[in-house]
Structures are given as structure tokens and as C-alpha cells.
C-alpha atoms as a PDB file:
ATOM      1  CA  MET A   1      -0.032   0.011  -0.046  1.00  0.00           C
ATOM      2  CA  PHE A   2       1.564   3.315  -1.149  1.00  0.00           C
ATOM      3  CA  HIS A   3      -0.590   5.891   0.555  1.00  0.00           C
ATOM      4  CA  THR A   4      -0.395   8.933  -1.824  1.00  0.00           C
ATOM      5  CA  PRO A   5      -2.909  11.715  -1.250  1.00  0.00           C
ATOM      6  CA  SER A   6      -3.061  13.878  -4.282  1.00  0.00           C
ATOM      7  CA  ALA A   7      -2.373  17.194  -2.512  1.00  0.00           C
ATOM      8  CA  ILE A   8       1.093  17.864  -1.134  1.00  0.00           C
ATOM      9  CA  ASP A   9      -0.293  19.323   2.174  1.00  0.00           C
ATOM     10  CA  LEU A  10      -2.245  16.096   2.688  1.00  0.00           C
ATOM     11  CA  ARG A  11       0.909  14.029   2.195  1.00  0.00           C
ATOM     12  CA  ARG A  12       2.747  16.055   4.794  1.00  0.00           C
ATOM     13  CA  SER A  13      -0.199  15.761   7.226  1.00  0.00           C
ATOM     14  CA  LEU A  14      -0.318  12.025   6.726  1.00  0.00           C
ATOM     15  CA  LEU A  15       3.443  11.671   7.467  1.00  0.00           C
ATOM     16  CA  ALA A  16       2.902  13.573  10.736  1.00  0.00           C
ATOM     17  CA  MET A  17      -0.056  11.372  11.492  1.00  0.00           C
ATOM     18  CA  VAL A  18       2.006   8.187  11.252  1.00  0.00           C
ATOM     19  CA  GLU A  19       4.454   9.574  13.783  1.00  0.00           C
ATOM     20  CA  GLU A  20       2.187  11.449  16.161  1.00  0.00           C
ATOM     21  CA  GLU A  21      -1.367  10.155  15.746  1.00  0.00           C
ATOM     22  CA  PRO A  22      -1.070   6.445  14.953  1.00  0.00           C
ATOM     23  CA  ASP A  23      -4.722   5.727  15.802  1.00  0.00           C
ATOM     24  CA  LEU A  24      -5.828   8.110  13.052  1.00  0.00           C
ATOM     25  CA  PHE A  25      -3.390   6.642  10.610  1.00  0.00           C
ATOM     26  CA  GLU A  26      -4.625   3.108  11.260  1.00  0.00           C
ATOM     27  CA  ALA A  27      -8.235   4.255  10.642  1.00  0.00           C
ATOM     28  CA  TYR A  28      -6.993   5.912   7.445  1.00  0.00           C
ATOM     29  CA  GLN A  29      -5.553   2.666   6.021  1.00  0.00           C
ATOM     30  CA  ASP A  30      -7.987   0.078   7.241  1.00  0.00           C
ATOM     31  CA  ASN A  31     -10.608   0.658   4.578  1.00  0.00           C
ATOM     32  CA  HIS A  32     -10.387   1.259   0.819  1.00  0.00           C
ATOM     33  CA  PRO A  33     -12.411   1.738  -2.407  1.00  0.00           C
ATOM     34  CA  ARG A  34     -13.707  -1.334  -4.220  1.00  0.00           C
ATOM     35  CA  ASN A  35     -10.637  -2.362  -6.345  1.00  0.00           C
ATOM     36  CA  PRO A  36      -7.946  -2.012  -3.644  1.00  0.00           C
ATOM     37  CA  GLU A  37     -10.343  -3.640  -1.212  1.00  0.00           C
ATOM     38  CA  SER A  38     -10.659  -6.697  -3.470  1.00  0.00           C
ATOM     39  CA  THR A  39      -6.907  -6.921  -3.814  1.00  0.00           C
ATOM     40  CA  LEU A  40      -6.333  -6.839  -0.056  1.00  0.00           C
ATOM     41  CA  LYS A  41      -8.978  -9.487   0.554  1.00  0.00           C
ATOM     42  CA  SER A  42      -6.844 -11.898  -1.583  1.00  0.00           C
ATOM     43  CA  ARG A  43      -3.710 -11.317   0.506  1.00  0.00           C
ATOM     44  CA  LYS A  44      -2.437 -12.320   3.943  1.00  0.00           C
ATOM     45  CA  VAL A  45       0.220  -9.674   4.486  1.00  0.00           C
ATOM     46  CA  ALA A  46       0.531  -6.013   3.329  1.00  0.00           C
ATOM     47  CA  ALA A  47       3.497  -3.676   3.425  1.00  0.00           C
ATOM     48  CA  SER A  48       2.528  -0.038   4.166  1.00  0.00           C
ATOM     49  CA  PHE A  49       4.314   3.035   2.837  1.00  0.00           C
ATOM     50  CA  VAL A  50       3.427   6.689   2.934  1.00  0.00           C
ATOM     51  CA  VAL A  51       4.604   8.710  -0.062  1.00  0.00           C
ATOM     52  CA  GLY A  52       5.958  12.214   0.741  1.00  0.00           C
ATOM     53  CA  GLU A  53       6.003  15.314  -1.411  1.00  0.00           C
ATOM     54  CA  ASP A  54       9.240  14.059  -2.970  1.00  0.00           C
ATOM     55  CA  GLY A  55       7.425  11.067  -4.430  1.00  0.00           C
ATOM     56  CA  GLU A  56       9.348   8.558  -2.299  1.00  0.00           C
ATOM     57  CA  GLY A  57       7.697   6.008   0.047  1.00  0.00           C
ATOM     58  CA  ARG A  58       8.597   5.826   3.713  1.00  0.00           C
ATOM     59  CA  PHE A  59       8.121   2.312   5.154  1.00  0.00           C
ATOM     60  CA  VAL A  60       5.533   2.187   7.917  1.00  0.00           C
ATOM     61  CA  GLY A  61       5.449  -1.551   8.592  1.00  0.00           C
ATOM     62  CA  LEU A  62       4.291  -5.035   7.653  1.00  0.00           C
ATOM     63  CA  TYR A  63       0.669  -5.929   8.549  1.00  0.00           C
ATOM     64  CA  VAL A  64      -1.133  -9.242   8.785  1.00  0.00           C
ATOM     65  CA  ILE A  65      -4.571  -9.003   7.195  1.00  0.00           C
ATOM     66  CA  ASP A  66      -6.575 -10.801   9.908  1.00  0.00           C
ATOM     67  CA  GLY A  67      -9.991 -10.671   8.324  1.00  0.00           C
ATOM     68  CA  TRP A  68     -12.397  -7.783   7.890  1.00  0.00           C
ATOM     69  CA  THR A  69     -15.856  -6.572   8.961  1.00  0.00           C
ATOM     70  CA  TYR A  70     -18.340  -4.943   6.664  1.00  0.00           C
ATOM     71  CA  TYR A  71     -19.693  -1.554   7.786  1.00  0.00           C
ATOM     72  CA  THR A  72     -22.475   0.493   6.169  1.00  0.00           C
ATOM     73  CA  ALA A  73     -21.743   4.135   5.220  1.00  0.00           C
ATOM     74  CA  ALA A  74     -23.782   5.373   8.196  1.00  0.00           C
ATOM     75  CA  GLN A  75     -21.790   3.189  10.620  1.00  0.00           C
ATOM     76  CA  LEU A  76     -18.532   4.466   9.251  1.00  0.00           C
ATOM     77  CA  ASP A  77     -19.617   8.087   9.502  1.00  0.00           C
ATOM     78  CA  ALA A  78     -20.689   7.570  13.079  1.00  0.00           C
ATOM     79  CA  HIS A  79     -17.205   6.432  14.143  1.00  0.00           C
ATOM     80  CA  PRO A  80     -15.493   9.377  16.000  1.00  0.00           C
ATOM     81  CA  VAL A  81     -12.025   8.687  14.664  1.00  0.00           C
ATOM     82  CA  ARG A  82     -13.312   8.476  11.072  1.00  0.00           C
ATOM     83  CA  GLU A  83     -15.273  11.653  11.590  1.00  0.00           C
ATOM     84  CA  THR A  84     -12.035  13.370  12.623  1.00  0.00           C
ATOM     85  CA  LEU A  85     -10.334  12.028   9.463  1.00  0.00           C
ATOM     86  CA  ILE A  86     -13.113  13.328   7.226  1.00  0.00           C
ATOM     87  CA  LYS A  87     -12.830  16.835   8.732  1.00  0.00           C
ATOM     88  CA  ARG A  88      -9.017  16.773   8.726  1.00  0.00           C
ATOM     89  CA  PHE A  89      -8.745  15.757   5.106  1.00  0.00           C
ATOM     90  CA  ARG A  90     -11.740  17.604   3.757  1.00  0.00           C
ATOM     91  CA  ASP A  91     -13.090  14.382   2.303  1.00  0.00           C
ATOM     92  CA  VAL A  92     -16.697  13.619   1.540  1.00  0.00           C
ATOM     93  CA  THR A  93     -18.512  11.488   4.070  1.00  0.00           C
ATOM     94  CA  TYR A  94     -19.078   7.771   3.520  1.00  0.00           C
ATOM     95  CA  THR A  95     -22.789   8.531   3.153  1.00  0.00           C
ATOM     96  CA  GLU A  96     -22.028  10.905   0.295  1.00  0.00           C
ATOM     97  CA  LEU A  97     -19.812   8.241  -1.303  1.00  0.00           C
ATOM     98  CA  SER A  98     -22.668   5.699  -0.995  1.00  0.00           C
ATOM     99  CA  GLU A  99     -24.663   7.730  -3.519  1.00  0.00           C
ATOM    100  CA  LYS A 100     -22.478   6.178  -6.186  1.00  0.00           C
ATOM    101  CA  PRO A 101     -23.181   2.590  -7.262  1.00  0.00           C
ATOM    102  CA  GLY A 102     -21.212   0.005  -5.286  1.00  0.00           C
ATOM    103  CA  ASN A 103     -20.318   2.354  -2.464  1.00  0.00           C
ATOM    104  CA  SER A 104     -23.051   1.463   0.107  1.00  0.00           C
ATOM    105  CA  GLY A 105     -20.375   0.457   2.612  1.00  0.00           C
ATOM    106  CA  ARG A 106     -16.835  -0.825   3.044  1.00  0.00           C
ATOM    107  CA  ALA A 107     -14.878  -3.705   4.503  1.00  0.00           C
ATOM    108  CA  VAL A 108     -12.820  -2.496   7.476  1.00  0.00           C
ATOM    109  CA  PHE A 109      -9.689  -4.652   7.664  1.00  0.00           C
ATOM    110  CA  ASN A 110      -8.216  -5.909  10.906  1.00  0.00           C
ATOM    111  CA  LEU A 111      -4.573  -4.982  10.294  1.00  0.00           C
ATOM    112  CA  LYS A 112      -2.129  -6.259  12.865  1.00  0.00           C
ATOM    113  CA  ARG A 113       1.373  -4.821  12.565  1.00  0.00           C
ATOM    114  CA  LEU A 114       4.203  -7.338  12.606  1.00  0.00           C
ATOM    115  CA  ASN A 115       7.563  -6.863  14.326  1.00  0.00           C
ATOM    116  CA  ASP A 116       9.342  -8.169  11.209  1.00  0.00           C
ATOM    117  CA  LEU A 117      11.383  -5.389   9.621  1.00  0.00           C
ATOM    118  CA  ASP A 118      10.338  -3.038  12.384  1.00  0.00           C
ATOM    119  CA  GLU A 119      13.924  -1.800  12.530  1.00  0.00           C
ATOM    120  CA  LEU A 120      13.328  -0.339   9.048  1.00  0.00           C
ATOM    121  CA  ARG A 121      10.240   1.673  10.062  1.00  0.00           C
ATOM    122  CA  GLY A 122      10.801   5.236   9.109  1.00  0.00           C
ATOM    123  CA  ARG A 123      14.206   4.398   7.718  1.00  0.00           C
ATOM    124  CA  LEU A 124      13.529   2.447   4.511  1.00  0.00           C
ATOM    125  CA  ILE A 125      12.751   4.796   1.660  1.00  0.00           C
ATOM    126  CA  VAL A 126      11.718   3.389  -1.749  1.00  0.00           C
ATOM    127  CA  ARG A 127      10.766   4.860  -5.117  1.00  0.00           C
ATOM    128  CA  LYS A 128       7.014   4.598  -5.649  1.00  0.00           C
ATOM    129  CA  PRO A 129       6.152   2.399  -8.659  1.00  0.00           C
ATOM    130  CA  VAL A 130       4.828   4.215 -11.738  1.00  0.00           C
ATOM    131  CA  GLY A 131       1.060   4.265 -12.101  1.00  0.00           C
ATOM    132  CA  ARG A 132      -2.057   5.555 -10.305  1.00  0.00           C
ATOM    133  CA  ALA A 133      -2.873   2.368  -8.350  1.00  0.00           C
ATOM    134  CA  TYR A 134      -1.685   2.711  -4.772  1.00  0.00           C
ATOM    135  CA  VAL A 135      -2.266  -1.001  -3.840  1.00  0.00           C
ATOM    136  CA  ARG A 136       0.188  -3.165  -5.794  1.00  0.00           C
ATOM    137  CA  LEU A 137       0.981  -6.882  -5.872  1.00  0.00           C
ATOM    138  CA  ALA A 138       4.530  -7.450  -4.588  1.00  0.00           C
ATOM    139  CA  GLU A 139       5.392  -9.949  -7.283  1.00  0.00           C
ATOM    140  CA  ASN A 140       4.557  -7.411 -10.044  1.00  0.00           C
ATOM    141  CA  CYS A 141       6.143  -4.429  -8.305  1.00  0.00           C
ATOM    142  CA  ASP A 142       9.602  -3.091  -9.041  1.00  0.00           C
ATOM    143  CA  LEU A 143      10.617  -1.363  -5.809  1.00  0.00           C
ATOM    144  CA  PRO A 144      14.100   0.306  -5.967  1.00  0.00           C
ATOM    145  CA  VAL A 145      15.530   1.249  -2.565  1.00  0.00           C
ATOM    146  CA  VAL A 146      16.447   4.889  -2.441  1.00  0.00           C
ATOM    147  CA  GLU A 147      17.915   4.945   1.020  1.00  0.00           C
ATOM    148  CA  VAL A 148      18.065   3.196   4.391  1.00  0.00           C
ATOM    149  CA  ALA A 149      18.468   6.135   6.686  1.00  0.00           C
ATOM    150  CA  ARG A 150      20.515   6.041   9.832  1.00  0.00           C
ATOM    151  CA  HIS A 151      17.676   7.387  11.937  1.00  0.00           C
ATOM    152  CA  ALA A 152      13.902   6.736  11.681  1.00  0.00           C
ATOM    153  CA  ARG A 153      11.902   9.751  10.671  1.00  0.00           C
ATOM    154  CA  PHE A 154       8.570  10.464   8.884  1.00  0.00           C
ATOM    155  CA  VAL A 155       8.261  14.195   9.446  1.00  0.00           C
ATOM    156  CA  PRO A 156      10.766  16.353   7.583  1.00  0.00           C
ATOM    157  CA  PRO A 157      12.620  19.050   9.547  1.00  0.00           C
ATOM    158  CA  ALA A 158      10.779  22.361   9.979  1.00  0.00           C
ATOM    159  CA  PRO A 159      11.713  24.872   7.256  1.00  0.00           C
ATOM    160  CA  ASP A 160      13.350  28.218   7.822  1.00  0.00           C
ATOM    161  CA  TRP A 161      10.974  31.065   8.562  1.00  0.00           C
ATOM    162  CA  ASP A 162      11.147  32.504   5.030  1.00  0.00           C
ATOM    163  CA  GLU A 163      10.206  29.109   3.554  1.00  0.00           C
ATOM    164  CA  PHE A 164       7.617  28.201   6.140  1.00  0.00           C
ATOM    165  CA  VAL A 165       4.440  27.893   4.000  1.00  0.00           C
ATOM    166  CA  VAL A 166       1.522  25.766   5.133  1.00  0.00           C
ATOM    167  CA  SER A 167      -2.149  25.387   4.287  1.00  0.00           C
ATOM    168  CA  GLY A 168      -5.009  25.824   6.690  1.00  0.00           C
ATOM    169  CA  LEU A 169      -5.615  22.127   6.575  1.00  0.00           C
ATOM    170  CA  GLU A 170      -1.963  21.423   7.658  1.00  0.00           C
ATOM    171  CA  LEU A 171      -2.324  23.790  10.632  1.00  0.00           C
ATOM    172  CA  ARG A 172      -4.944  21.461  12.079  1.00  0.00           C
ATOM    173  CA  SER A 173      -2.448  18.592  12.219  1.00  0.00           C
ATOM    174  CA  LEU A 174       0.945  20.316  12.310  1.00  0.00           C
ATOM    175  CA  PRO A 175       3.888  18.191  13.598  1.00  0.00           C
ATOM    176  CA  GLN A 176       5.015  19.042  17.099  1.00  0.00           C
ATOM    177  CA  ALA A 177       8.456  20.121  15.869  1.00  0.00           C
ATOM    178  CA  TRP A 178       6.902  22.512  13.428  1.00  0.00           C
ATOM    179  CA  LYS A 179       4.571  23.902  16.113  1.00  0.00           C
ATOM    180  CA  ALA A 180       7.572  24.536  18.365  1.00  0.00           C
ATOM    181  CA  ARG A 181       9.223  26.681  15.712  1.00  0.00           C
ATOM    182  CA  LEU A 182       6.105  28.747  15.143  1.00  0.00           C
ATOM    183  CA  ARG A 183       5.689  29.189  18.841  1.00  0.00           C
ATOM    184  CA  GLU A 184       9.181  30.834  18.954  1.00  0.00           C
ATOM    185  CA  TRP A 185       8.469  33.284  16.155  1.00  0.00           C
ATOM    186  CA  ARG A 186       6.567  36.516  16.164  1.00  0.00           C
ATOM    187  CA  GLY A 187       6.107  39.039  13.372  1.00  0.00           C
ATOM    188  CA  VAL A 188       4.077  39.889  10.255  1.00  0.00           C
ATOM    189  CA  TYR A 189       2.350  37.079   8.329  1.00  0.00           C
ATOM    190  CA  HIS A 190       0.446  36.705   5.081  1.00  0.00           C
ATOM    191  CA  ILE A 191      -2.659  34.689   4.231  1.00  0.00           C
ATOM    192  CA  LEU A 192      -3.609  33.814   0.637  1.00  0.00           C
ATOM    193  CA  ASP A 193      -7.115  32.521  -0.012  1.00  0.00           C
ATOM    194  CA  GLU A 194      -6.328  30.123  -2.862  1.00  0.00           C
ATOM    195  CA  ARG A 195      -9.884  30.131  -4.079  1.00  0.00           C
ATOM    196  CA  ASP A 196      -9.881  33.678  -5.349  1.00  0.00           C
ATOM    197  CA  GLY A 197      -6.482  35.187  -4.589  1.00  0.00           C
ATOM    198  CA  LEU A 198      -7.585  37.414  -1.719  1.00  0.00           C
ATOM    199  CA  ARG A 199      -4.601  38.434   0.449  1.00  0.00           C
ATOM    200  CA  TYR A 200      -4.600  39.323   4.152  1.00  0.00           C
ATOM    201  CA  VAL A 201      -1.734  40.624   6.228  1.00  0.00           C
ATOM    202  CA  GLY A 202      -1.676  40.311  10.033  1.00  0.00           C
ATOM    203  CA  SER A 203       0.609  40.379  13.020  1.00  0.00           C
ATOM    204  CA  ALA A 204       1.353  37.778  15.679  1.00  0.00           C
ATOM    205  CA  TYR A 205       2.702  38.142  19.204  1.00  0.00           C
ATOM    206  CA  GLY A 206       2.024  36.897  22.722  1.00  0.00           C
ATOM    207  CA  GLU A 207       2.827  33.624  24.459  1.00  0.00           C
ATOM    208  CA  GLN A 208       2.091  31.411  21.457  1.00  0.00           C
ATOM    209  CA  ASN A 209       3.286  33.906  18.761  1.00  0.00           C
ATOM    210  CA  LEU A 210       2.683  32.874  15.203  1.00  0.00           C
ATOM    211  CA  LEU A 211       1.432  29.404  16.203  1.00  0.00           C
ATOM    212  CA  GLY A 212      -1.352  30.823  18.387  1.00  0.00           C
ATOM    213  CA  ARG A 213      -2.462  33.354  15.792  1.00  0.00           C
ATOM    214  CA  TRP A 214      -2.497  30.956  12.904  1.00  0.00           C
ATOM    215  CA  GLN A 215      -4.333  28.249  14.755  1.00  0.00           C
ATOM    216  CA  THR A 216      -6.960  30.801  15.778  1.00  0.00           C
ATOM    217  CA  HIS A 217      -7.604  31.418  12.050  1.00  0.00           C
ATOM    218  CA  VAL A 218      -8.361  27.733  11.321  1.00  0.00           C
ATOM    219  CA  VAL A 219     -10.101  26.582  14.572  1.00  0.00           C
ATOM    220  CA  GLY A 220     -13.642  27.032  13.178  1.00  0.00           C
ATOM    221  CA  ASP A 221     -15.497  26.761   9.843  1.00  0.00           C
ATOM    222  CA  PHE A 222     -14.850  30.388   8.937  1.00  0.00           C
ATOM    223  CA  GLY A 223     -12.024  32.921   9.373  1.00  0.00           C
ATOM    224  CA  VAL A 224     -11.928  34.909  12.618  1.00  0.00           C
ATOM    225  CA  SER A 225     -11.204  38.387  11.360  1.00  0.00           C
ATOM    226  CA  VAL A 226     -13.808  40.729   9.813  1.00  0.00           C
ATOM    227  CA  GLU A 227     -12.137  40.445   6.427  1.00  0.00           C
ATOM    228  CA  LEU A 228     -12.080  36.636   6.491  1.00  0.00           C
ATOM    229  CA  ALA A 229     -15.301  35.936   8.403  1.00  0.00           C
ATOM    230  CA  GLN A 230     -17.178  34.418   5.438  1.00  0.00           C
ATOM    231  CA  ARG A 231     -14.297  32.352   4.118  1.00  0.00           C
ATOM    232  CA  ASP A 232     -13.356  28.737   4.655  1.00  0.00           C
ATOM    233  CA  PRO A 233      -9.997  28.687   6.390  1.00  0.00           C
ATOM    234  CA  LEU A 234      -9.016  25.352   4.929  1.00  0.00           C
ATOM    235  CA  GLY A 235      -8.527  27.239   1.632  1.00  0.00           C
ATOM    236  CA  PHE A 236      -5.948  29.582   3.257  1.00  0.00           C
ATOM    237  CA  ARG A 237      -2.204  29.385   2.713  1.00  0.00           C
ATOM    238  CA  PHE A 238      -0.013  30.948   5.454  1.00  0.00           C
ATOM    239  CA  SER A 239       3.491  32.386   5.117  1.00  0.00           C
ATOM    240  CA  ILE A 240       5.788  34.771   7.090  1.00  0.00           C
ATOM    241  CA  LEU A 241       6.650  38.185   5.721  1.00  0.00           C
ATOM    242  CA  GLU A 242       8.879  39.425   8.541  1.00  0.00           C
ATOM    243  CA  LEU A 243      10.187  38.203  11.827  1.00  0.00           C
ATOM    244  CA  VAL A 244      10.834  40.440  14.874  1.00  0.00           C
ATOM    245  CA  SER A 245      12.662  39.813  18.120  1.00  0.00           C
ATOM    246  CA  PRO A 246      10.886  37.465  20.602  1.00  0.00           C
ATOM    247  CA  THR A 247      11.083  40.325  23.101  1.00  0.00           C
ATOM    248  CA  ALA A 248       9.620  42.931  20.740  1.00  0.00           C
ATOM    249  CA  THR A 249       6.707  44.927  22.135  1.00  0.00           C
ATOM    250  CA  ILE A 250       3.213  44.728  20.762  1.00  0.00           C
ATOM    251  CA  GLU A 251       3.544  48.251  19.353  1.00  0.00           C
ATOM    252  CA  LEU A 252       6.611  47.199  17.369  1.00  0.00           C
ATOM    253  CA  VAL A 253       5.045  44.075  15.901  1.00  0.00           C
ATOM    254  CA  THR A 254       1.811  45.787  14.878  1.00  0.00           C
END
């Protein structure tokens, strides 16, 4: 399984999820559309990879496929962890998916992670096979090894302030190391609404600095300022225009 969300920000969020919210990740990978579902039903073991923005797959682990249970769309939507995933990834609900033929429900697989090759978890990096299918048969899959890293890691290092660009969606599941950097920084920031190009400039200071201000923008269904009040914050893209000293006064920042 080569988990490859189409949007780059979703890929980064998924990598963070593997490392910091494993229960959400397991709920993400335990059910699939019809064709991948059929493939997994015919197998006893699956190898799981998450593909980063560089197109390379990070090894998550080997899983025994210990059967499955069928759930209706309504049952899947009622599961609190899956509800969190739907909101986090801006996906349609299972009920909405069930409006298409053959999508009335899904098999939820009982995936039990093996200890085999656990020493390669987060260290083994492979080149994703060519093609759109994300579930592939091992015997038909050429899988060149790019690297076996010295240290296990899924989340890339936090970028420098002038390259720190994240979406509103990412801010809802930002890695702890990235949060720590934003918490250190105060200054002037920029928001781009990618839907229509509207731009907003604000300032951040206080105990949580940029982290606190940015998270405030995405906590609800709409932006928090007057200018952004009717806009979906998951369409925002955040960046930093200027840093100031952590000891700078409010008057200087604003």
C-alpha cells in the first residue's frame, strides 16, 4: 500500500499522523475503495508506505490482514475517529460516497502490525512504482531502494521562517516540531485565499506567537477576522513576511 494523497499538504499531514497520531493513521488505512479492497482480501500480508512530497515512500510496517468486517456508510460516518479524518482531510462522508453505485459500505480490515522489519520503520525509503494504483502486488512491483536512513523519521525538519508555507488544513495537524518553531516566532504574516487570490496581512505576538495566531484562524468553519469571516480557512495558505525579536513589544510588531 503506497498511501499517496493527491495534494502535497495532505501528504505532509499524513506523514505527521504516522508519527504522532497512529490511531488516526490506522483508521485511514484500514478501509479502501472497491478495487484495492478486493486486492487486499486476496492477500495475507501487506506492506505499508506513505509517499511524501518528494514522491518517495517511507516504510510504515508489515501488517497481517486478519480478516475484515463490513460496515455501512452510516456506521463508518458515526465512528468518531473516522469523523475526525473526514474533517481533517476535507473528504466527503461515507454517506455521500454511498450515492455512487457499489459504495453502500466498506470492509474495514483488521490490520495487525508485525515486528518483522520493524527496525526499518521510518528508515527504509523506496521509489514509488509508476502508475495511479496505490495498492500493488509485490510480485509485479519493481521497488528500488532509495535509502536506508541512519535514523527513523517520517516528518521532515521544519523549514526556515522565510520558507515556512503551510495550508489551513496542515495547521490542524501540524507536527509538534513545526509547532515549536512557530511558537518561537513573532512578526508579520500573510494569508492567501487560494480560491480567489484574496490576500490578508496580520501580526502575531504573545505567548504562542505565530502558532497561536495561525491556529486561531483555522479553529472554526470560517475565518476569525472581519475580512475573513465568510471564508473557509481550509482554503488559506499561510506564510511569514517578517520576523521580529521574541522580546519585541506589541507596538513594534503591529
